[in-house]
């Protein structure tokens, strides 16, 4: 059914239009989510709007730069936000200072939406464009670039990313939107580990020990996420223990 739909869009020449439409929907959805969610973190709408828009713009430029480096300074551009997951907190830090917004609050607030929502929604468009495809599969998803069936990894990656976004949102709600800066690192762990596994189902170039460059990025973000999350939890436990000792 979906393969026939992709074939039909290829026939009338709107595959790339659909791809960019999903990309646009992804960014708009993340933007709206940030605006609606800002009240839970006591963030003014004006600062949320400016930080989100400027954060998107700066992150995109950095994404192009990282792609340029990864390709041996041959290709500038490309839309693959997996390359910048780890760097976004560093990108947003000076912006938080500029707009006088607590950095930890922004990391908790934007964690579920800024990247996971964008990745999840945009990846549906990849199936229509034929990019980010899996290995050849006889009865798989039709690929308009290769003109044969492939493993439907785009949809699996999309559902995984959206599931992580939903999980983190529910976690926030259950914690009554408590801020400790841990959400972003937890997102790195969940997304990085799952993306590392899913990379083995993608038909892409392997650069090191049978791993693709995006698999290495995913592994890196998982390690960083575990390190930061462990440090945050250890700090929280230390505070609790000190409080108990004072009470005792």
Foldseek 3Di string as FASTA:
>chain_A
DQLVVLVVCVVVVCLVVLLVVLLVVLLVVLLVLLQVLVVLLPDDSVLSNVLSVVLVVVLQQVVQVQVCVVVVNPGGHDDDSLLCLVPSLVVSVVVCVVVVHDSQLCLLSSQLRSPLSSLLRSLVSCLSQQPQFFAFDQPARQGSVVRGHTHPLSNVLNVQSNVLSVVSVVVCVVVSNDTQSLRSLVSLQSNLVVVLVSQVRHPDDADPPRHRPSNVSSVVSNVVSVVVNVVSVVVVVVVVVVVVVVVD
